[in-house]
């Protein structure tokens, strides 16, 4: 499954996972469309992985791991 397809599937989930998937999807689309530079893209993805995921997912280890893994995949594709 491609990263964008995985993000699209996760966007339908309720709660924080769906919201983070939506943010990551939007950022990826903006980068692919040339709206964001590579540096801006990487910074935004890293912020989601580091800040939002840790703050909002402190008690949800499964979703926290998903966020870490998906952001690693996204960043490795750049």
PDB file of N, CA and C in Angstrom:
ATOM      1  N   UNK A   1       0.860  -1.182   0.000  1.00  0.00           N
ATOM      2  CA  UNK A   1       0.000   0.000   0.000  1.00  0.00           C
ATOM      3  C   UNK A   1       0.900   1.237   0.000  1.00  0.00           C
ATOM      4  N   UNK A   2       0.590   2.165  -0.855  1.00  0.00           N
ATOM      5  CA  UNK A   2       1.382   3.394  -0.890  1.00  0.00           C
ATOM      6  C   UNK A   2       1.113   4.228   0.358  1.00  0.00           C
ATOM      7  N   UNK A   3       2.013   5.130   0.630  1.00  0.00           N
ATOM      8  CA  UNK A   3       1.872   5.987   1.804  1.00  0.00           C
ATOM      9  C   UNK A   3       0.591   6.802   1.719  1.00  0.00           C
ATOM     10  N   UNK A   4       0.320   7.391   0.557  1.00  0.00           N
ATOM     11  CA  UNK A   4      -0.896   8.204   0.426  1.00  0.00           C
ATOM     12  C   UNK A   4      -2.146   7.360   0.613  1.00  0.00           C
ATOM     13  N   UNK A   5      -2.139   6.129   0.107  1.00  0.00           N
ATOM     14  CA  UNK A   5      -3.297   5.257   0.310  1.00  0.00           C
ATOM     15  C   UNK A   5      -3.460   4.895   1.780  1.00  0.00           C
ATOM     16  N   UNK A   6      -2.356   4.647   2.460  1.00  0.00           N
ATOM     17  CA  UNK A   6      -2.433   4.350   3.891  1.00  0.00           C
ATOM     18  C   UNK A   6      -2.961   5.554   4.663  1.00  0.00           C
ATOM     19  N   UNK A   7      -2.505   6.744   4.294  1.00  0.00           N
ATOM     20  CA  UNK A   7      -2.998   7.956   4.953  1.00  0.00           C
ATOM     21  C   UNK A   7      -4.484   8.151   4.681  1.00  0.00           C
ATOM     22  N   UNK A   8      -4.907   7.920   3.436  1.00  0.00           N
ATOM     23  CA  UNK A   8      -6.333   8.061   3.104  1.00  0.00           C
ATOM     24  C   UNK A   8      -7.182   7.102   3.928  1.00  0.00           C
ATOM     25  N   UNK A   9      -6.714   5.873   4.080  1.00  0.00           N
ATOM     26  CA  UNK A   9      -7.448   4.893   4.876  1.00  0.00           C
ATOM     27  C   UNK A   9      -7.509   5.320   6.341  1.00  0.00           C
ATOM     28  N   UNK A  10      -6.401   5.818   6.868  1.00  0.00           N
ATOM     29  CA  UNK A  10      -6.354   6.227   8.274  1.00  0.00           C
ATOM     30  C   UNK A  10      -7.175   7.485   8.530  1.00  0.00           C
ATOM     31  N   UNK A  11      -7.364   8.313   7.498  1.00  0.00           N
ATOM     32  CA  UNK A  11      -8.133   9.552   7.668  1.00  0.00           C
ATOM     33  C   UNK A  11      -9.582   9.275   8.047  1.00  0.00           C
ATOM     34  N   UNK A  12     -10.072   8.097   7.736  1.00  0.00           N
ATOM     35  CA  UNK A  12     -11.460   7.759   8.054  1.00  0.00           C
ATOM     36  C   UNK A  12     -11.634   7.319   9.503  1.00  0.00           C
ATOM     37  N   UNK A  13     -10.531   7.098  10.190  1.00  0.00           N
ATOM     38  CA  UNK A  13     -10.611   6.658  11.580  1.00  0.00           C
ATOM     39  C   UNK A  13     -10.943   7.838  12.487  1.00  0.00           C
ATOM     40  N   UNK A  14     -11.718   7.569  13.523  1.00  0.00           N
ATOM     41  CA  UNK A  14     -12.073   8.656  14.446  1.00  0.00           C
ATOM     42  C   UNK A  14     -10.888   9.036  15.327  1.00  0.00           C
ATOM     43  N   UNK A  15     -10.982  10.198  15.898  1.00  0.00           N
ATOM     44  CA  UNK A  15     -10.004  10.626  16.886  1.00  0.00           C
ATOM     45  C   UNK A  15      -8.720  11.165  16.303  1.00  0.00           C
ATOM     46  N   UNK A  16      -7.691  11.106  17.126  1.00  0.00           N
ATOM     47  CA  UNK A  16      -6.422  11.746  16.806  1.00  0.00           C
ATOM     48  C   UNK A  16      -5.722  11.093  15.623  1.00  0.00           C
ATOM     49  N   UNK A  17      -5.839   9.777  15.458  1.00  0.00           N
ATOM     50  CA  UNK A  17      -5.183   9.115  14.331  1.00  0.00           C
ATOM     51  C   UNK A  17      -5.723   9.651  13.011  1.00  0.00           C
ATOM     52  N   UNK A  18      -7.027   9.782  12.913  1.00  0.00           N
ATOM     53  CA  UNK A  18      -7.628  10.325  11.697  1.00  0.00           C
ATOM     54  C   UNK A  18      -7.199  11.756  11.447  1.00  0.00           C
ATOM     55  N   UNK A  19      -7.132  12.552  12.513  1.00  0.00           N
ATOM     56  CA  UNK A  19      -6.729  13.957  12.377  1.00  0.00           C
ATOM     57  C   UNK A  19      -5.266  14.078  11.952  1.00  0.00           C
ATOM     58  N   UNK A  20      -4.393  13.275  12.552  1.00  0.00           N
ATOM     59  CA  UNK A  20      -2.980  13.310  12.172  1.00  0.00           C
ATOM     60  C   UNK A  20      -2.781  12.791  10.754  1.00  0.00           C
ATOM     61  N   UNK A  21      -3.523  11.764  10.385  1.00  0.00           N
ATOM     62  CA  UNK A  21      -3.439  11.249   9.015  1.00  0.00           C
ATOM     63  C   UNK A  21      -3.859  12.322   8.022  1.00  0.00           C
ATOM     64  N   UNK A  22      -4.904  13.078   8.352  1.00  0.00           N
ATOM     65  CA  UNK A  22      -5.360  14.161   7.478  1.00  0.00           C
ATOM     66  C   UNK A  22      -4.266  15.212   7.324  1.00  0.00           C
ATOM     67  N   UNK A  23      -3.636  15.584   8.431  1.00  0.00           N
ATOM     68  CA  UNK A  23      -2.564  16.580   8.379  1.00  0.00           C
ATOM     69  C   UNK A  23      -1.391  16.084   7.537  1.00  0.00           C
ATOM     70  N   UNK A  24      -0.984  14.841   7.757  1.00  0.00           N
ATOM     71  CA  UNK A  24       0.135  14.282   7.001  1.00  0.00           C
ATOM     72  C   UNK A  24      -0.202  14.157   5.519  1.00  0.00           C
ATOM     73  N   UNK A  25      -1.424  13.765   5.224  1.00  0.00           N
ATOM     74  CA  UNK A  25      -1.865  13.668   3.828  1.00  0.00           C
ATOM     75  C   UNK A  25      -1.819  15.036   3.161  1.00  0.00           C
ATOM     76  N   UNK A  26      -2.362  16.041   3.835  1.00  0.00           N
ATOM     77  CA  UNK A  26      -2.389  17.393   3.270  1.00  0.00           C
ATOM     78  C   UNK A  26      -0.979  17.932   3.030  1.00  0.00           C
ATOM     79  N   UNK A  27      -0.100  17.712   3.987  1.00  0.00           N
ATOM     80  CA  UNK A  27       1.283  18.170   3.859  1.00  0.00           C
ATOM     81  C   UNK A  27       1.964  17.463   2.684  1.00  0.00           C
ATOM     82  N   UNK A  28       1.750  16.156   2.568  1.00  0.00           N
ATOM     83  CA  UNK A  28       2.349  15.392   1.474  1.00  0.00           C
ATOM     84  C   UNK A  28       1.831  15.868   0.125  1.00  0.00           C
ATOM     85  N   UNK A  29       0.537  16.113   0.028  1.00  0.00           N
ATOM     86  CA  UNK A  29      -0.049  16.614  -1.219  1.00  0.00           C
ATOM     87  C   UNK A  29       0.514  17.998  -1.565  1.00  0.00           C
ATOM     88  N   UNK A  30       0.653  18.859  -0.563  1.00  0.00           N
ATOM     89  CA  UNK A  30       1.201  20.197  -0.809  1.00  0.00           C
ATOM     90  C   UNK A  30       2.647  20.116  -1.296  1.00  0.00           C
ATOM     91  N   UNK A  31       3.406  19.199  -0.741  1.00  0.00           N
ATOM     92  CA  UNK A  31       4.785  19.002  -1.199  1.00  0.00           C
ATOM     93  C   UNK A  31       4.796  18.479  -2.635  1.00  0.00           C
ATOM     94  N   UNK A  32       3.960  17.476  -2.908  1.00  0.00           N
ATOM     95  CA  UNK A  32       3.892  16.906  -4.256  1.00  0.00           C
ATOM     96  C   UNK A  32       3.444  17.934  -5.288  1.00  0.00           C
ATOM     97  N   UNK A  33       2.617  18.879  -4.874  1.00  0.00           N
ATOM     98  CA  UNK A  33       2.128  19.928  -5.776  1.00  0.00           C
ATOM     99  C   UNK A  33       3.095  21.103  -5.895  1.00  0.00           C
ATOM    100  N   UNK A  34       4.208  21.069  -5.149  1.00  0.00           N
ATOM    101  CA  UNK A  34       5.203  22.129  -5.231  1.00  0.00           C
ATOM    102  C   UNK A  34       4.907  23.342  -4.367  1.00  0.00           C
ATOM    103  N   UNK A  35       3.917  23.227  -3.500  1.00  0.00           N
ATOM    104  CA  UNK A  35       3.554  24.341  -2.619  1.00  0.00           C
ATOM    105  C   UNK A  35       4.561  24.468  -1.474  1.00  0.00           C
ATOM    106  N   UNK A  36       5.037  23.339  -0.978  1.00  0.00           N
ATOM    107  CA  UNK A  36       6.029  23.328   0.097  1.00  0.00           C
ATOM    108  C   UNK A  36       7.389  22.934  -0.460  1.00  0.00           C
ATOM    109  N   UNK A  37       8.436  23.554   0.068  1.00  0.00           N
ATOM    110  CA  UNK A  37       9.790  23.132  -0.284  1.00  0.00           C
ATOM    111  C   UNK A  37      10.102  21.838   0.464  1.00  0.00           C
ATOM    112  N   UNK A  38      11.182  21.185   0.082  1.00  0.00           N
ATOM    113  CA  UNK A  38      11.572  19.958   0.767  1.00  0.00           C
ATOM    114  C   UNK A  38      11.859  20.228   2.243  1.00  0.00           C
ATOM    115  N   UNK A  39      12.522  21.334   2.532  1.00  0.00           N
ATOM    116  CA  UNK A  39      12.843  21.677   3.922  1.00  0.00           C
ATOM    117  C   UNK A  39      11.577  21.934   4.732  1.00  0.00           C
ATOM    118  N   UNK A  40      10.628  22.664   4.153  1.00  0.00           N
ATOM    119  CA  UNK A  40       9.362  22.934   4.842  1.00  0.00           C
ATOM    120  C   UNK A  40       8.601  21.634   5.088  1.00  0.00           C
ATOM    121  N   UNK A  41       8.570  20.791   4.070  1.00  0.00           N
ATOM    122  CA  UNK A  41       7.881  19.511   4.167  1.00  0.00           C
ATOM    123  C   UNK A  41       8.462  18.660   5.295  1.00  0.00           C
ATOM    124  N   UNK A  42       9.782  18.498   5.283  1.00  0.00           N
ATOM    125  CA  UNK A  42      10.434  17.690   6.314  1.00  0.00           C
ATOM    126  C   UNK A  42      10.194  18.263   7.703  1.00  0.00           C
ATOM    127  N   UNK A  43      10.272  19.576   7.828  1.00  0.00           N
ATOM    128  CA  UNK A  43      10.057  20.218   9.120  1.00  0.00           C
ATOM    129  C   UNK A  43       8.646  19.958   9.638  1.00  0.00           C
ATOM    130  N   UNK A  44       7.657  20.094   8.784  1.00  0.00           N
ATOM    131  CA  UNK A  44       6.270  19.879   9.206  1.00  0.00           C
ATOM    132  C   UNK A  44       6.017  18.425   9.591  1.00  0.00           C
ATOM    133  N   UNK A  45       6.542  17.498   8.812  1.00  0.00           N
ATOM    134  CA  UNK A  45       6.363  16.076   9.130  1.00  0.00           C
ATOM    135  C   UNK A  45       7.053  15.739  10.447  1.00  0.00           C
ATOM    136  N   UNK A  46       8.264  16.252  10.639  1.00  0.00           N
ATOM    137  CA  UNK A  46       8.985  16.002  11.886  1.00  0.00           C
ATOM    138  C   UNK A  46       8.267  16.610  13.081  1.00  0.00           C
ATOM    139  N   UNK A  47       7.662  17.776  12.903  1.00  0.00           N
ATOM    140  CA  UNK A  47       6.895  18.389  13.992  1.00  0.00           C
ATOM    141  C   UNK A  47       5.734  17.498  14.397  1.00  0.00           C
ATOM    142  N   UNK A  48       5.047  16.947  13.422  1.00  0.00           N
ATOM    143  CA  UNK A  48       3.930  16.054  13.739  1.00  0.00           C
ATOM    144  C   UNK A  48       4.439  14.835  14.485  1.00  0.00           C
ATOM    145  N   UNK A  49       5.525  14.257  14.010  1.00  0.00           N
ATOM    146  CA  UNK A  49       6.075  13.066  14.657  1.00  0.00           C
ATOM    147  C   UNK A  49       6.553  13.359  16.072  1.00  0.00           C
ATOM    148  N   UNK A  50       7.233  14.467  16.254  1.00  0.00           N
ATOM    149  CA  UNK A  50       7.857  14.769  17.541  1.00  0.00           C
ATOM    150  C   UNK A  50       6.924  15.422  18.547  1.00  0.00           C
ATOM    151  N   UNK A  51       6.222  16.442  18.133  1.00  0.00           N
ATOM    152  CA  UNK A  51       5.464  17.263  19.064  1.00  0.00           C
ATOM    153  C   UNK A  51       4.041  16.758  19.240  1.00  0.00           C
ATOM    154  N   UNK A  52       3.269  16.786  18.182  1.00  0.00           N
ATOM    155  CA  UNK A  52       1.861  16.447  18.298  1.00  0.00           C
ATOM    156  C   UNK A  52       1.659  15.009  18.740  1.00  0.00           C
ATOM    157  N   UNK A  53       2.393  14.093  18.145  1.00  0.00           N
ATOM    158  CA  UNK A  53       2.207  12.692  18.495  1.00  0.00           C
ATOM    159  C   UNK A  53       2.538  12.436  19.959  1.00  0.00           C
ATOM    160  N   UNK A  54       3.636  12.997  20.430  1.00  0.00           N
ATOM    161  CA  UNK A  54       4.020  12.771  21.820  1.00  0.00           C
ATOM    162  C   UNK A  54       3.053  13.420  22.795  1.00  0.00           C
ATOM    163  N   UNK A  55       2.608  14.630  22.500  1.00  0.00           N
ATOM    164  CA  UNK A  55       1.699  15.326  23.400  1.00  0.00           C
ATOM    165  C   UNK A  55       0.314  14.695  23.417  1.00  0.00           C
ATOM    166  N   UNK A  56      -0.215  14.405  22.240  1.00  0.00           N
ATOM    167  CA  UNK A  56      -1.599  13.962  22.135  1.00  0.00           C
ATOM    168  C   UNK A  56      -1.762  12.452  22.248  1.00  0.00           C
ATOM    169  N   UNK A  57      -0.695  11.693  22.090  1.00  0.00           N
ATOM    170  CA  UNK A  57      -0.806  10.241  22.076  1.00  0.00           C
ATOM    171  C   UNK A  57      -0.082   9.571  23.234  1.00  0.00           C
ATOM    172  N   UNK A  58       0.122  10.280  24.293  1.00  0.00           N
ATOM    173  CA  UNK A  58       0.874   9.736  25.422  1.00  0.00           C
ATOM    174  C   UNK A  58       0.303   8.409  25.913  1.00  0.00           C
ATOM    175  N   UNK A  59      -1.013   8.248  25.883  1.00  0.00           N
ATOM    176  CA  UNK A  59      -1.631   7.025  26.378  1.00  0.00           C
ATOM    177  C   UNK A  59      -2.040   6.044  25.304  1.00  0.00           C
ATOM    178  N   UNK A  60      -1.714   6.304  24.046  1.00  0.00           N
ATOM    179  CA  UNK A  60      -2.130   5.446  22.935  1.00  0.00           C
ATOM    180  C   UNK A  60      -0.893   4.954  22.191  1.00  0.00           C
ATOM    181  N   UNK A  61      -0.313   3.877  22.699  1.00  0.00           N
ATOM    182  CA  UNK A  61       0.947   3.379  22.150  1.00  0.00           C
ATOM    183  C   UNK A  61       0.811   2.890  20.709  1.00  0.00           C
ATOM    184  N   UNK A  62      -0.302   2.258  20.371  1.00  0.00           N
ATOM    185  CA  UNK A  62      -0.496   1.734  19.015  1.00  0.00           C
ATOM    186  C   UNK A  62      -0.503   2.866  17.994  1.00  0.00           C
ATOM    187  N   UNK A  63      -1.279   3.907  18.256  1.00  0.00           N
ATOM    188  CA  UNK A  63      -1.345   5.034  17.329  1.00  0.00           C
ATOM    189  C   UNK A  63      -0.032   5.802  17.324  1.00  0.00           C
ATOM    190  N   UNK A  64       0.603   5.919  18.463  1.00  0.00           N
ATOM    191  CA  UNK A  64       1.892   6.602  18.539  1.00  0.00           C
ATOM    192  C   UNK A  64       2.922   5.897  17.659  1.00  0.00           C
ATOM    193  N   UNK A  65       2.955   4.580  17.712  1.00  0.00           N
ATOM    194  CA  UNK A  65       3.879   3.819  16.865  1.00  0.00           C
ATOM    195  C   UNK A  65       3.537   3.993  15.393  1.00  0.00           C
ATOM    196  N   UNK A  66       2.236   4.019  15.080  1.00  0.00           N
ATOM    197  CA  UNK A  66       1.817   4.226  13.692  1.00  0.00           C
ATOM    198  C   UNK A  66       2.332   5.566  13.186  1.00  0.00           C
ATOM    199  N   UNK A  67       2.184   6.616  13.992  1.00  0.00           N
ATOM    200  CA  UNK A  67       2.636   7.951  13.590  1.00  0.00           C
ATOM    201  C   UNK A  67       4.145   7.946  13.357  1.00  0.00           C
ATOM    202  N   UNK A  68       4.887   7.354  14.255  1.00  0.00           N
ATOM    203  CA  UNK A  68       6.344   7.298  14.105  1.00  0.00           C
ATOM    204  C   UNK A  68       6.710   6.547  12.828  1.00  0.00           C
ATOM    205  N   UNK A  69       6.078   5.407  12.592  1.00  0.00           N
ATOM    206  CA  UNK A  69       6.401   4.612  11.409  1.00  0.00           C
ATOM    207  C   UNK A  69       6.017   5.309  10.116  1.00  0.00           C
ATOM    208  N   UNK A  70       4.828   5.875  10.052  1.00  0.00           N
ATOM    209  CA  UNK A  70       4.378   6.512   8.812  1.00  0.00           C
ATOM    210  C   UNK A  70       5.210   7.752   8.508  1.00  0.00           C
ATOM    211  N   UNK A  71       5.601   8.495   9.533  1.00  0.00           N
ATOM    212  CA  UNK A  71       6.427   9.677   9.268  1.00  0.00           C
ATOM    213  C   UNK A  71       7.823   9.272   8.796  1.00  0.00           C
ATOM    214  N   UNK A  72       8.358   8.165   9.311  1.00  0.00           N
ATOM    215  CA  UNK A  72       9.650   7.671   8.826  1.00  0.00           C
ATOM    216  C   UNK A  72       9.558   7.291   7.352  1.00  0.00           C
ATOM    217  N   UNK A  73       8.477   6.626   6.983  1.00  0.00           N
ATOM    218  CA  UNK A  73       8.288   6.227   5.586  1.00  0.00           C
ATOM    219  C   UNK A  73       8.157   7.460   4.698  1.00  0.00           C
ATOM    220  N   UNK A  74       7.378   8.427   5.147  1.00  0.00           N
ATOM    221  CA  UNK A  74       7.187   9.656   4.368  1.00  0.00           C
ATOM    222  C   UNK A  74       8.526  10.360   4.159  1.00  0.00           C
ATOM    223  N   UNK A  75       9.297  10.500   5.218  1.00  0.00           N
ATOM    224  CA  UNK A  75      10.577  11.210   5.116  1.00  0.00           C
ATOM    225  C   UNK A  75      11.606  10.434   4.295  1.00  0.00           C
ATOM    226  N   UNK A  76      11.537   9.113   4.325  1.00  0.00           N
ATOM    227  CA  UNK A  76      12.497   8.326   3.545  1.00  0.00           C
ATOM    228  C   UNK A  76      12.203   8.385   2.055  1.00  0.00           C
ATOM    229  N   UNK A  77      10.984   8.753   1.702  1.00  0.00           N
ATOM    230  CA  UNK A  77      10.598   8.820   0.292  1.00  0.00           C
ATOM    231  C   UNK A  77      10.997  10.137  -0.361  1.00  0.00           C
ATOM    232  N   UNK A  78      11.459  11.097   0.435  1.00  0.00           N
ATOM    233  CA  UNK A  78      11.811  12.421  -0.109  1.00  0.00           C
ATOM    234  C   UNK A  78      13.216  12.399  -0.657  1.00  0.00           C
TER     235      UNK A  78
END
